[in-house]
Amino acid sequence: MTKHVKTGQELYLSTIDDNNEVSTQKVYVIDHNHSSIYFGYSKYDRKNPYLKVKASGSFPSFWQPNILDFGYLSDDQEFSKQWEKEVKERSHYKKEISHRISKLFFDN
């Protein structure tokens, strides 16, 4: 994958907050090698070891800077909209299932 990535290329970093809201930021490839892509918020940022993605497949690539946060790095600007739709559907189904389980236990 990294052979298709170019230094300076625009990518999109999609992250999710505690309210299941997805936000997207434009980021730039600062450096890349056979196993990682380093990115920054400006084309001229310095290489930061915390802003890297293991490049083991195609985009979107999973990014987890710490135990609590995560996101995806993608070359497709529309990826965040699709991901947000899936998150909202999953949240809806989880609430529905919880409601039905509670109803089963408490209505009998």
Protein backbone atom coordinates (compact mmCIF):
# COMPACT_ATOMS: atom_id res chain seq x y z
CA MET A 1 0.00 0.00 0.00
CA THR A 2 2.65 2.50 0.91
CA LYS A 3 4.13 2.46 -2.56
CA HIS A 4 0.91 4.19 -3.73
CA VAL A 5 1.18 6.89 -1.06
CA LYS A 6 3.11 10.05 -1.86
CA THR A 7 4.69 12.51 0.53
CA GLY A 8 2.43 15.56 0.71
CA GLN A 9 -0.67 13.61 -0.32
CA GLU A 10 -3.96 14.69 1.28
CA LEU A 11 -5.71 12.10 3.42
CA TYR A 12 -8.67 12.27 5.78
CA LEU A 13 -8.54 11.37 9.46
CA SER A 14 -11.97 10.38 10.82
CA THR A 15 -12.37 10.14 14.60
CA ILE A 16 -15.35 9.47 16.84
CA ASP A 17 -16.24 11.20 20.11
CA ASP A 18 -18.11 10.02 23.20
CA ASN A 19 -21.46 10.98 21.63
CA ASN A 20 -20.85 8.77 18.58
CA GLU A 21 -20.28 11.81 16.39
CA VAL A 22 -17.74 11.33 13.62
CA SER A 23 -15.50 14.23 12.68
CA THR A 24 -13.05 14.46 9.80
CA GLN A 25 -9.84 16.41 9.43
CA LYS A 26 -7.66 16.82 6.39
CA VAL A 27 -4.13 15.53 7.06
CA TYR A 28 -1.05 15.17 4.91
CA VAL A 29 1.47 12.37 4.42
CA ILE A 30 4.74 13.56 5.96
CA ASP A 31 6.76 10.40 5.39
CA HIS A 32 6.19 6.72 4.64
CA ASN A 33 8.11 3.48 4.52
CA HIS A 34 7.26 -0.15 3.83
CA SER A 35 5.30 -0.54 7.08
CA SER A 36 4.06 2.90 8.24
CA ILE A 37 2.59 6.17 7.09
CA TYR A 38 3.45 9.27 9.10
CA PHE A 39 0.98 12.10 8.79
CA GLY A 40 0.55 15.66 10.02
CA TYR A 41 -1.99 18.45 10.06
CA SER A 42 0.11 20.58 7.70
CA LYS A 43 2.20 19.61 4.69
CA TYR A 44 5.24 21.03 6.47
CA ASP A 45 4.87 19.34 9.87
CA ARG A 46 7.75 17.39 11.30
CA LYS A 47 7.58 13.62 11.52
CA ASN A 48 5.79 12.71 14.75
CA PRO A 49 6.01 9.10 16.01
CA TYR A 50 2.52 9.42 17.52
CA LEU A 51 0.93 10.37 14.20
CA LYS A 52 1.53 7.18 12.27
CA VAL A 53 -0.50 4.31 10.89
CA LYS A 54 0.73 0.79 10.34
CA ALA A 55 0.21 0.28 6.62
CA SER A 56 -0.70 -3.37 6.37
CA GLY A 57 -3.52 -3.17 3.83
CA SER A 58 -5.57 -0.73 1.84
CA PHE A 59 -7.40 2.37 3.04
CA PRO A 60 -9.12 2.99 5.38
CA SER A 61 -6.41 2.22 7.94
CA PHE A 62 -7.20 1.92 11.64
CA TRP A 63 -5.43 4.47 13.87
CA GLN A 64 -5.33 4.27 17.66
CA PRO A 65 -3.07 6.86 19.30
CA ASN A 66 -3.97 5.67 22.81
CA ILE A 67 -6.18 3.16 24.60
CA LEU A 68 -9.27 5.41 24.57
CA ASP A 69 -9.21 7.06 21.15
CA PHE A 70 -9.30 5.63 17.67
CA GLY A 71 -10.09 6.58 14.13
CA TYR A 72 -9.46 5.78 10.51
CA LEU A 73 -7.14 7.29 7.95
CA SER A 74 -8.60 7.24 4.47
CA ASP A 75 -7.98 8.60 1.01
CA ASP A 76 -11.76 8.89 0.46
CA GLN A 77 -13.43 12.03 1.81
CA GLU A 78 -16.82 10.28 1.86
CA PHE A 79 -15.62 7.48 4.17
CA SER A 80 -16.52 9.44 7.32
CA LYS A 81 -20.15 9.81 6.23
CA GLN A 82 -20.49 6.06 5.68
CA TRP A 83 -18.78 5.30 9.00
CA GLU A 84 -21.03 7.74 10.88
CA LYS A 85 -24.10 6.10 9.31
CA GLU A 86 -22.90 2.67 10.46
CA VAL A 87 -22.17 3.96 13.98
CA LYS A 88 -25.64 5.45 14.29
CA GLU A 89 -27.31 2.25 13.01
CA ARG A 90 -25.28 0.14 15.44
CA SER A 91 -26.22 2.46 18.31
CA HIS A 92 -29.90 2.27 17.36
CA TYR A 93 -29.87 -1.54 17.23
CA LYS A 94 -27.99 -1.78 20.53
CA LYS A 95 -30.61 0.41 22.23
CA GLU A 96 -33.43 -1.60 20.67
CA ILE A 97 -31.94 -4.91 21.81
CA SER A 98 -31.37 -3.57 25.34
CA HIS A 99 -34.96 -2.33 25.46
CA ARG A 100 -36.33 -5.70 24.35
CA ILE A 101 -34.20 -7.62 26.85
CA SER A 102 -35.33 -5.34 29.67
CA LYS A 103 -38.93 -5.75 28.58
CA LEU A 104 -38.60 -9.54 28.61
CA PHE A 105 -37.20 -9.60 32.13
CA PHE A 106 -39.42 -6.98 33.73
CA ASP A 107 -42.77 -7.68 32.02
CA ASN A 108 -42.98 -11.34 33.05
